Amino acid sequence: MTGNTKYRLVALLLAIALLYWVPSRAAELPRVLLLTGSGENRQQHGYPDWQPELFSRDIARLLEGIAEVEVSEDLSLLNERTLADYELIINNSLFLTPSQEQLDAFFNFIAGGQSYLALDMGLASFLNAPRYRELIGGHLVGGDGPHEYEVFTFDAWYGYDYNDQQQHPVARGQPNFRIHDELFVVQPGTDEIEVIARAENHPVLWWRPWQEGRAMGMALGHKRSAIENPGYRRLLRNSVRWLLGYPIVEQVAEGVFPRGTGEVDDYIDLNRISHLAGDSEGLRYRIAGNSNPQLVQAVVDEAGRVDLAFADGGNGSASLNVEVLSPRGLVGKTAFEVSVRPPGSGNLARYHGVSAVSSSSEVRKYTADPGFVRDGDEGSRWSSNYEDHNWIYLDLGESYRIDKVKLLWEGAYGRDYDIQVSGNEREWSTVHRQPDGDGGVDEIELDPVDARYVRLLARERATRWGYSLYEFEVYGDLPN
């Protein structure tokens, strides 16, 4: 089958796929009750000027398009008949004291399969109910005054992955971020909580099951500057999506392809990057937009994988939008870029199909995968074990005439290292010797050399840690 024939066939399959994506109408937005306001005893606790109702309006606007949010200070809404209309309660109130009847309706709401989010000062509300601390998995023991700190979007102790686990879907693919906010300290009271994010070693976002429902706590968002922080906004919106049953779809890095690639099957497995609270069975996928169909056609096959077919010749880029539909009709979205370049141009390490292999990766850190050195993200990195002799190499997939290597080091850099090349992955030739590296960015010009494999052979660490590398870039051209 010729490239043009395959290209036309993919276009036909795309048209057929669109016919089978038949959401008869958009799903109605889930309803959310956002409790706000301050109890009468707030002043004796030292909070005379805090106005949660103002922040709650900001939060309601932030959730537009995700939920229909009703903001209220009226605790009489906590009754079984009224709560039947909602799927999530968000508590951003301070020192509110519901009656026993209201508390019973509240706890039954969550136990029956709905969700709850204690947001910021909501951790210091409902204090007349000891069971409330059990629900949120701990209790607020104090706060550190407003200051800037880093939020790690995984269960991090001193920046390290404490539980050797993947990020929670709420935070998956999201970078760590700095925020200026008051840091609330919550003392966990159960092992059932799953920490999603930490700051200064304290949990700042976590969840726990509560009978048939879910309860989540978020100890961020006390200052207006925090609510306007992009990292906070991503975490909050994804938290609400996850609690309401929206598919959470990871962001996908740009795909770079040499001109003349043709067809690429199984480019992205949407099952792997799509997540739903509970059982993920029944998700459906589609390509919802393509900014440059003349360059590339994309379809989702029956197994939920994205296949690409490139037109003959031509360079450029296309933005592909993907939608993931839950069984009840709620839609998760992601977008990714596909670029086509003349063969041998740009950073060769970014080409689709290039792989990275290392001698070791730092123990108990999912963030240390060698593939991160070629993902184009200067926030992700590979890190080795804590030994001097280590290496990492790139398999470019085919031979190129290489004339430059660029290394972007984290603080734990290599003091003494070689750059080596190979054509067969067994015999290596040293093309650059660096006996006194100083970290940062190393741009290394080489005499042009033909090679498929490029290796960083590290001999001596500059710190007591391992080697930590953000990016390993390779430049060159097609061989003569």
Protein backbone atom coordinates (compact mmCIF):
# COMPACT_ATOMS: atom_id res chain seq x y z
CA MET A 1 0.00 0.00 0.00
CA THR A 2 1.46 3.40 -0.96
CA GLY A 3 1.80 6.25 1.48
CA ASN A 4 -0.91 8.32 -0.25
CA THR A 5 -3.32 5.36 -0.29
CA LYS A 6 -2.72 4.75 3.42
CA TYR A 7 -3.19 8.47 4.07
CA ARG A 8 -6.58 8.47 2.29
CA LEU A 9 -7.60 5.31 4.15
CA VAL A 10 -6.85 6.91 7.52
CA ALA A 11 -8.92 9.95 6.51
CA LEU A 12 -11.83 7.63 5.69
CA LEU A 13 -11.45 5.79 9.01
CA LEU A 14 -11.47 9.12 10.82
CA ALA A 15 -14.75 10.09 9.17
CA ILE A 16 -16.26 6.72 10.15
CA ALA A 17 -15.02 7.09 13.72
CA LEU A 18 -16.74 10.45 14.03
CA LEU A 19 -20.03 8.81 13.03
CA TYR A 20 -19.77 6.38 15.94
CA TRP A 21 -19.06 9.10 18.51
CA VAL A 22 -22.66 9.91 19.22
CA PRO A 23 -23.16 11.70 22.47
CA SER A 24 -26.83 12.61 21.89
CA ARG A 25 -26.41 15.67 24.04
CA ALA A 26 -23.81 17.10 26.35
CA ALA A 27 -23.94 15.67 29.85
CA GLU A 28 -25.39 18.05 32.41
CA LEU A 29 -22.80 19.58 34.67
CA PRO A 30 -22.65 17.94 38.11
CA ARG A 31 -23.98 20.08 40.95
CA VAL A 32 -21.66 21.12 43.77
CA LEU A 33 -22.49 22.73 47.10
CA LEU A 34 -19.72 25.06 48.29
CA LEU A 35 -20.13 25.90 51.97
CA THR A 36 -18.61 29.18 53.08
CA GLY A 37 -18.89 31.74 55.85
CA SER A 38 -17.50 32.03 59.38
CA GLY A 39 -18.89 30.91 62.69
CA GLU A 40 -19.76 33.33 65.45
CA ASN A 41 -16.70 32.36 67.50
CA ARG A 42 -14.15 33.15 64.76
CA GLN A 43 -12.84 36.29 66.53
CA GLN A 44 -11.95 34.47 69.72
CA HIS A 45 -9.86 32.12 67.57
CA GLY A 46 -7.99 35.04 66.01
CA TYR A 47 -9.64 35.25 62.57
CA PRO A 48 -11.60 38.53 62.67
CA ASP A 49 -10.82 39.67 59.11
CA TRP A 50 -10.76 36.45 57.07
CA GLN A 51 -13.65 36.42 54.59
CA PRO A 52 -14.02 32.95 53.10
CA GLU A 53 -17.13 33.95 51.18
CA LEU A 54 -15.04 36.20 48.91
CA PHE A 55 -12.53 33.44 48.15
CA SER A 56 -15.39 30.99 47.64
CA ARG A 57 -16.77 33.14 44.82
CA ASP A 58 -13.35 33.03 43.17
CA ILE A 59 -13.28 29.26 43.53
CA ALA A 60 -16.75 28.93 42.02
CA ARG A 61 -15.58 30.91 38.98
CA LEU A 62 -12.49 28.70 38.73
CA LEU A 63 -14.75 25.64 38.47
CA GLU A 64 -16.90 27.02 35.65
CA GLY A 65 -17.33 24.45 32.92
CA ILE A 66 -16.67 21.61 35.38
CA ALA A 67 -19.61 21.94 37.75
CA GLU A 68 -22.63 24.02 38.58
CA VAL A 69 -21.53 25.48 41.92
CA GLU A 70 -23.90 26.89 44.53
CA VAL A 71 -22.13 28.99 47.18
CA SER A 72 -23.97 29.22 50.48
CA GLU A 73 -23.52 29.87 54.21
CA ASP A 74 -26.83 28.16 54.99
CA LEU A 75 -26.25 24.98 56.99
CA SER A 76 -29.93 24.08 56.68
CA LEU A 77 -29.03 22.80 53.21
CA LEU A 78 -27.42 19.85 54.98
CA ASN A 79 -30.49 17.64 54.86
CA GLU A 80 -30.97 14.43 52.92
CA ARG A 81 -33.63 15.81 50.56
CA THR A 82 -31.57 18.82 49.51
CA LEU A 83 -28.26 16.98 49.32
CA ALA A 84 -29.79 14.46 46.90
CA ASP A 85 -29.35 17.14 44.21
CA TYR A 86 -25.56 17.38 44.69
CA GLU A 87 -22.61 15.12 43.94
CA LEU A 88 -19.89 16.99 45.84
CA ILE A 89 -19.67 19.21 48.90
CA ILE A 90 -16.74 21.62 49.11
CA ASN A 91 -16.19 23.16 52.53
CA ASN A 92 -14.39 26.51 52.57
CA SER A 93 -15.99 27.70 55.80
CA LEU A 94 -14.48 28.59 59.16
CA PHE A 95 -15.66 27.36 62.57
CA LEU A 96 -19.17 26.45 61.41
CA THR A 97 -21.02 24.16 63.83
CA PRO A 98 -23.80 22.11 62.18
CA SER A 99 -26.50 20.53 64.30
CA GLN A 100 -26.44 16.79 64.92
CA GLU A 101 -29.21 16.29 62.35
CA GLN A 102 -27.23 18.28 59.77
CA LEU A 103 -24.07 16.32 60.55
CA ASP A 104 -25.92 13.02 60.11
CA ALA A 105 -27.14 14.10 56.66
CA PHE A 106 -23.64 15.27 55.78
CA PHE A 107 -21.93 12.01 56.75
CA ASN A 108 -24.63 9.92 55.07
CA PHE A 109 -24.16 11.91 51.86
CA ILE A 110 -20.51 10.83 51.62
CA ALA A 111 -21.02 7.30 52.94
CA GLY A 112 -23.66 6.75 50.27
CA GLY A 113 -21.18 7.27 47.44
CA GLN A 114 -20.74 11.02 46.97
CA SER A 115 -17.63 13.14 47.51
CA TYR A 116 -16.29 15.77 49.88
CA LEU A 117 -13.45 18.29 49.66
CA ALA A 118 -12.26 20.15 52.77
CA LEU A 119 -10.60 23.18 51.26
CA ASP A 120 -8.19 25.35 53.24
CA MET A 121 -10.15 26.65 56.26
CA GLY A 122 -12.66 23.86 55.76
CA LEU A 123 -10.09 21.81 57.65
CA ALA A 124 -10.85 23.99 60.71
CA SER A 125 -14.61 23.78 60.51
CA PHE A 126 -17.22 21.40 61.94
CA LEU A 127 -15.03 21.22 65.06
CA ASN A 128 -18.04 20.20 67.15
CA ALA A 129 -17.92 16.78 65.41
CA PRO A 130 -14.99 14.52 66.44
CA ARG A 131 -15.98 12.23 63.55
CA TYR A 132 -15.10 15.03 61.15
CA ARG A 133 -11.39 14.64 61.88
CA GLU A 134 -11.75 10.95 61.09
CA LEU A 135 -13.45 11.80 57.80
CA ILE A 136 -10.71 14.10 56.57
CA GLY A 137 -8.00 11.73 57.78
CA GLY A 138 -6.42 14.03 60.36
CA HIS A 139 -6.73 17.38 62.04
CA LEU A 140 -5.29 20.84 61.65
CA VAL A 141 -2.62 21.43 64.28
CA GLY A 142 -1.39 24.86 63.21
CA GLY A 143 -0.15 27.06 60.44
CA ASP A 144 3.08 28.62 59.31
CA GLY A 145 2.70 32.26 58.32
CA PRO A 146 2.53 33.29 54.66
CA HIS A 147 5.78 32.56 52.83
CA GLU A 148 6.99 31.08 49.58
CA TYR A 149 7.50 27.34 49.37
CA GLU A 150 7.57 24.53 46.82
CA VAL A 151 4.68 22.13 46.33
CA PHE A 152 5.76 18.64 45.22
CA THR A 153 3.07 16.97 43.13
CA PHE A 154 3.76 13.53 44.56
CA ASP A 155 4.21 12.00 48.01
CA ALA A 156 7.59 13.65 48.58
CA TRP A 157 9.86 13.74 51.61
CA TYR A 158 12.73 16.17 51.08
CA GLY A 159 11.91 16.05 47.37
CA TYR A 160 12.14 12.25 47.22
CA ASP A 161 9.38 9.83 46.32
CA TYR A 162 8.54 8.47 49.76
CA ASN A 163 6.29 5.57 48.80
CA ASP A 164 7.87 4.53 45.48
CA GLN A 165 4.59 5.06 43.67
CA GLN A 166 3.32 6.86 40.60
CA GLN A 167 1.69 10.24 40.89
CA HIS A 168 -1.99 10.24 41.69
CA PRO A 169 -4.17 10.94 38.60
CA VAL A 170 -5.03 14.38 40.04
CA ALA A 171 -1.37 15.40 39.82
CA ARG A 172 -0.01 13.06 37.14
CA GLY A 173 2.17 14.89 34.65
CA GLN A 174 1.94 18.17 36.58
CA PRO A 175 5.21 19.83 37.53
CA ASN A 176 6.15 20.91 41.04
CA PHE A 177 5.41 24.59 41.61
CA ARG A 178 6.24 27.41 43.99
CA ILE A 179 3.48 29.23 45.82
CA HIS A 180 3.20 32.10 48.32
CA ASP A 181 0.64 31.04 50.90
CA GLU A 182 0.13 30.15 54.52
CA LEU A 183 1.14 26.53 55.08
CA PHE A 184 -1.38 24.61 57.16
CA VAL A 185 0.01 21.64 59.08
CA VAL A 186 -2.31 18.64 59.26
CA GLN A 187 -1.54 15.69 61.51
CA PRO A 188 -2.68 12.51 59.71
CA GLY A 189 -4.83 10.26 61.87
CA THR A 190 -5.05 7.14 59.70
CA ASP A 191 -2.96 5.07 57.31
CA GLU A 192 -5.86 5.02 54.85
CA ILE A 193 -5.06 8.41 53.37
CA GLU A 194 -3.16 8.67 50.09
CA VAL A 195 -0.99 11.77 49.94
CA ILE A 196 -1.16 13.44 46.52
CA ALA A 197 1.08 16.46 47.15
CA ARG A 198 3.40 17.70 49.90
CA ALA A 199 5.13 20.93 50.84
CA GLU A 200 7.97 21.15 53.36
CA ASN A 201 7.29 17.46 54.04
CA HIS A 202 3.68 18.11 55.14
CA PRO A 203 0.66 16.75 53.24
CA VAL A 204 -1.11 19.56 51.37
CA LEU A 205 -3.42 17.41 49.21
CA TRP A 206 -4.69 13.94 50.10
CA TRP A 207 -7.73 11.70 49.91
CA ARG A 208 -9.25 8.73 51.67
CA PRO A 209 -12.18 6.39 51.02
CA TRP A 210 -15.20 6.84 53.28
CA GLN A 211 -17.49 3.83 52.97
CA GLU A 212 -18.87 4.21 49.40
CA GLY A 213 -17.63 7.78 48.98
CA ARG A 214 -14.42 9.80 48.90
CA ALA A 215 -13.08 12.55 51.13
CA MET A 216 -10.24 14.86 50.16
CA GLY A 217 -8.33 17.55 52.04
CA MET A 218 -6.41 20.45 50.51
CA ALA A 219 -4.32 22.62 52.84
CA LEU A 220 -3.68 25.33 50.23
CA GLY A 221 -5.53 28.42 49.10
CA HIS A 222 -5.50 30.73 52.12
CA LYS A 223 -4.26 33.80 50.25
CA ARG A 224 -5.66 35.34 47.08
CA SER A 225 -2.23 35.05 45.48
CA ALA A 226 -2.46 31.29 46.03
CA ILE A 227 -5.84 31.02 44.33
CA GLU A 228 -4.36 32.84 41.34
CA ASN A 229 -1.33 30.51 41.22
CA PRO A 230 -1.46 28.32 38.04
CA GLY A 231 -0.16 25.25 39.90
CA TYR A 232 -2.83 25.59 42.58
CA ARG A 233 -5.53 26.10 39.97
CA ARG A 234 -4.50 22.94 38.09
CA LEU A 235 -4.53 20.88 41.29
CA LEU A 236 -7.90 22.20 42.44
CA ARG A 237 -9.63 21.78 39.09
CA ASN A 238 -8.27 18.25 38.68
CA SER A 239 -9.23 17.37 42.26
CA VAL A 240 -12.82 18.39 41.59
CA ARG A 241 -12.83 16.58 38.24
CA TRP A 242 -11.61 13.37 39.87
CA LEU A 243 -14.10 13.55 42.75
CA LEU A 244 -16.97 14.13 40.28
CA GLY A 245 -16.06 11.25 37.99
CA TYR A 246 -14.49 13.11 35.08
CA PRO A 247 -11.77 11.28 33.13
CA ILE A 248 -8.38 12.77 33.98
CA VAL A 249 -6.10 12.75 30.92
CA GLU A 250 -2.35 13.29 31.20
CA GLN A 251 -0.57 15.88 29.12
CA VAL A 252 1.46 14.44 26.24
CA ALA A 253 4.85 15.76 25.19
CA GLU A 254 5.34 17.03 21.67
CA GLY A 255 6.06 14.31 19.12
CA VAL A 256 8.86 15.12 16.67
CA PHE A 257 9.10 13.16 13.41
CA PRO A 258 11.58 13.35 10.51
CA ARG A 259 9.96 14.15 7.16
CA GLY A 260 9.02 10.98 5.30
CA THR A 261 8.03 9.06 8.43
CA GLY A 262 4.88 7.67 6.80
CA GLU A 263 2.66 5.79 9.25
CA VAL A 264 3.05 5.38 13.00
CA ASP A 265 0.86 2.82 14.74
CA ASP A 266 0.17 2.83 18.48
CA TYR A 267 1.70 6.29 18.89
CA ILE A 268 -0.14 6.96 22.17
CA ASP A 269 -2.04 4.47 24.31
CA LEU A 270 -4.96 6.51 25.64
CA ASN A 271 -5.84 3.77 28.11
CA ARG A 272 -2.49 4.32 29.80
CA ILE A 273 -2.84 8.09 30.19
CA SER A 274 -6.58 8.26 30.99
CA HIS A 275 -7.77 7.81 34.57
CA LEU A 276 -11.15 7.64 36.24
CA ALA A 277 -11.89 7.42 39.95
CA GLY A 278 -12.81 3.82 40.58
CA ASP A 279 -13.17 1.56 37.55
CA SER A 280 -11.88 2.99 34.25
CA GLU A 281 -13.81 0.49 32.14
CA GLY A 282 -16.13 1.97 29.55
CA LEU A 283 -14.08 5.01 28.58
CA ARG A 284 -14.41 6.11 24.95
CA TYR A 285 -11.96 8.19 22.93
CA ARG A 286 -11.90 10.39 19.88
CA ILE A 287 -9.75 12.92 18.05
CA ALA A 288 -11.77 16.09 18.57
CA GLY A 289 -9.62 18.51 16.58
CA ASN A 290 -6.70 18.66 14.17
CA SER A 291 -5.16 22.01 13.27
CA ASN A 292 -3.29 20.65 10.23
CA PRO A 293 -5.00 17.63 8.62
CA GLN A 294 -3.00 18.25 5.44
CA LEU A 295 0.15 17.34 7.37
CA VAL A 296 -1.07 14.43 9.48
CA GLN A 297 -4.19 12.36 10.01
CA ALA A 298 -4.88 10.82 13.42
CA VAL A 299 -7.39 8.15 14.41
CA VAL A 300 -8.08 6.19 17.59
CA ASP A 301 -8.21 2.44 16.99
CA GLU A 302 -10.49 -0.04 18.74
CA ALA A 303 -7.89 -0.61 21.46
CA GLY A 304 -7.78 3.09 22.39
CA ARG A 305 -4.46 3.85 20.71
CA VAL A 306 -3.72 6.83 18.48
CA ASP A 307 -2.42 6.00 14.99
CA LEU A 308 -0.81 8.65 12.78
CA ALA A 309 -0.39 8.88 9.01
CA PHE A 310 1.77 11.65 7.55
CA ALA A 311 1.38 13.16 4.10
CA ASP A 312 4.28 12.67 1.69
CA GLY A 313 6.71 15.58 1.98
CA GLY A 314 6.11 18.80 3.85
CA ASN A 315 7.20 20.15 7.21
CA GLY A 316 5.25 21.84 9.96
CA SER A 317 3.23 21.06 13.04
CA ALA A 318 -0.28 20.08 14.04
CA SER A 319 -2.16 20.40 17.30
CA LEU A 320 -4.32 17.35 18.03
CA ASN A 321 -7.13 17.53 20.57
CA VAL A 322 -8.31 14.33 22.24
CA GLU A 323 -11.51 13.82 24.20
CA VAL A 324 -12.16 10.98 26.64
CA LEU A 325 -15.80 10.26 27.47
CA SER A 326 -16.83 8.59 30.73
CA PRO A 327 -19.77 6.14 30.78
CA ARG A 328 -22.01 8.89 32.18
CA GLY A 329 -20.97 11.40 29.51
CA LEU A 330 -18.41 13.57 31.33
CA VAL A 331 -15.52 14.58 29.07
CA GLY A 332 -11.81 14.80 29.83
CA LYS A 333 -9.54 16.56 27.36
CA THR A 334 -5.89 16.77 26.39
CA ALA A 335 -3.94 18.17 23.47
CA PHE A 336 -0.56 17.38 22.00
CA GLU A 337 1.65 18.73 19.26
CA VAL A 338 3.05 16.75 16.36
CA SER A 339 5.95 18.30 14.44
CA VAL A 340 7.54 17.20 11.17
CA ARG A 341 11.09 18.36 10.46
CA PRO A 342 13.68 17.79 7.74
CA PRO A 343 15.67 14.67 8.73
CA GLY A 344 18.74 15.58 10.77
CA SER A 345 17.47 18.97 11.95
CA GLY A 346 17.08 20.15 15.52
CA ASN A 347 17.66 18.06 18.63
CA LEU A 348 17.91 14.49 17.36
CA ALA A 349 17.14 13.11 20.84
CA ARG A 350 13.58 14.43 20.57
CA TYR A 351 12.73 12.33 17.50
CA HIS A 352 9.98 9.78 17.97
CA GLY A 353 11.46 6.33 18.54
CA VAL A 354 14.68 7.49 20.22
CA SER A 355 15.30 5.64 23.49
CA ALA A 356 17.53 6.13 26.53
CA VAL A 357 19.32 3.42 28.53
CA SER A 358 21.20 3.95 31.81
CA SER A 359 23.48 1.90 34.06
CA SER A 360 21.28 2.74 37.08
CA SER A 361 18.47 4.94 38.33
CA GLU A 362 18.10 6.41 41.77
CA VAL A 363 16.42 4.00 44.17
CA ARG A 364 12.74 4.55 45.02
CA LYS A 365 12.26 7.42 42.57
CA TYR A 366 9.83 7.00 39.69
CA THR A 367 10.98 10.49 38.70
CA ALA A 368 14.44 9.14 37.78
CA ASP A 369 13.55 7.36 34.52
CA PRO A 370 16.32 7.72 31.90
CA GLY A 371 13.72 8.61 29.26
CA PHE A 372 13.26 12.01 30.91
CA VAL A 373 16.57 13.22 29.44
CA ARG A 374 15.00 13.36 25.98
CA ASP A 375 11.46 14.58 26.68
CA GLY A 376 12.12 18.29 26.10
CA ASP A 377 10.98 19.12 29.64
CA GLU A 378 13.65 20.90 31.67
CA GLY A 379 11.73 20.12 34.86
CA SER A 380 12.04 16.33 34.59
CA ARG A 381 15.31 14.47 35.00
CA TRP A 382 17.19 11.20 35.17
CA SER A 383 19.23 10.54 38.31
CA SER A 384 21.63 7.68 38.98
CA ASN A 385 22.52 5.73 42.08
CA TYR A 386 25.12 7.26 44.41
CA GLU A 387 28.24 5.88 42.73
CA ASP A 388 30.94 7.47 40.59
CA HIS A 389 30.90 5.05 37.68
CA ASN A 390 27.63 5.45 35.77
CA TRP A 391 26.50 5.96 32.20
CA ILE A 392 23.48 6.84 30.10
CA TYR A 393 23.21 6.59 26.34
CA LEU A 394 20.75 7.47 23.58
CA ASP A 395 19.80 5.17 20.74
CA LEU A 396 18.95 7.51 17.85
CA GLY A 397 17.39 4.70 15.84
CA GLU A 398 19.70 5.22 12.86
CA SER A 399 23.09 6.73 12.14
CA TYR A 400 23.61 10.51 11.97
CA ARG A 401 26.65 12.71 11.48
CA ILE A 402 26.85 14.18 15.00
CA ASP A 403 28.58 17.49 15.65
CA LYS A 404 27.26 18.72 19.03
CA VAL A 405 26.05 17.43 22.39
CA LYS A 406 24.31 19.57 25.00
CA LEU A 407 23.93 18.53 28.66
CA LEU A 408 21.60 20.31 31.09
CA TRP A 409 22.67 19.33 34.60
CA GLU A 410 20.74 19.54 37.84
CA GLY A 411 22.74 20.44 40.97
CA ALA A 412 24.20 16.92 41.19
CA TYR A 413 26.43 17.11 38.11
CA GLY A 414 29.36 15.17 36.73
CA ARG A 415 32.83 16.56 37.44
CA ASP A 416 34.72 14.07 35.25
CA TYR A 417 33.04 12.45 32.25
CA ASP A 418 33.44 11.38 28.60
CA ILE A 419 31.17 11.69 25.60
CA GLN A 420 31.35 8.49 23.55
CA VAL A 421 29.75 7.24 20.33
CA SER A 422 29.09 3.83 18.84
CA GLY A 423 27.62 2.25 15.75
CA ASN A 424 26.76 -1.09 17.31
CA GLU A 425 26.10 -0.50 21.04
CA ARG A 426 29.20 -2.56 21.97
CA GLU A 427 32.32 -0.73 20.82
CA TRP A 428 32.59 2.86 22.05
CA SER A 429 34.88 5.67 20.94
CA THR A 430 35.57 8.72 23.11
CA VAL A 431 34.96 11.96 21.18
CA HIS A 432 35.16 14.38 24.11
CA ARG A 433 36.91 14.30 27.50
CA GLN A 434 35.74 16.59 30.34
CA PRO A 435 38.00 16.29 33.43
CA ASP A 436 36.77 19.37 35.34
CA GLY A 437 33.06 19.95 34.69
CA ASP A 438 31.25 22.69 36.62
CA GLY A 439 27.62 21.74 35.99
CA GLY A 440 24.95 24.00 34.56
CA VAL A 441 24.77 23.77 30.77
CA ASP A 442 27.57 22.05 28.85
CA GLU A 443 27.53 22.70 25.09
CA ILE A 444 30.13 20.43 23.50
CA GLU A 445 31.19 20.96 19.89
CA LEU A 446 32.48 17.80 18.20
CA ASP A 447 34.36 16.97 15.06
CA PRO A 448 31.55 15.47 12.95
CA VAL A 449 31.31 11.72 13.51
CA ASP A 450 28.84 9.11 12.23
CA ALA A 451 27.11 7.21 15.02
CA ARG A 452 23.77 5.79 16.09
CA TYR A 453 24.48 5.67 19.84
CA VAL A 454 25.72 8.57 21.99
CA ARG A 455 26.85 7.92 25.57
CA LEU A 456 27.67 10.01 28.62
CA LEU A 457 30.22 7.97 30.59
CA ALA A 458 30.50 9.52 34.05
CA ARG A 459 33.66 8.90 36.07
CA GLU A 460 33.44 11.22 39.08
CA ARG A 461 30.54 12.97 40.86
CA ALA A 462 30.69 16.58 41.98
CA THR A 463 28.45 15.88 44.99
CA ARG A 464 27.73 13.01 47.34
CA TRP A 465 24.53 12.33 45.38
CA GLY A 466 24.38 10.55 42.04
CA TYR A 467 24.34 12.18 38.60
CA SER A 468 21.24 14.20 37.81
CA LEU A 469 20.56 15.28 34.23
CA TYR A 470 17.59 17.28 32.95
CA GLU A 471 18.29 16.96 29.21
CA PHE A 472 20.74 15.10 26.96
CA GLU A 473 20.55 16.78 23.55
CA VAL A 474 22.28 15.63 20.36
CA TYR A 475 22.67 17.63 17.14
CA GLY A 476 23.86 16.70 13.69
CA ASP A 477 22.82 15.88 10.13
CA LEU A 478 22.24 12.93 7.86
CA PRO A 479 25.42 10.98 7.12
CA ASN A 480 27.19 11.62 3.83
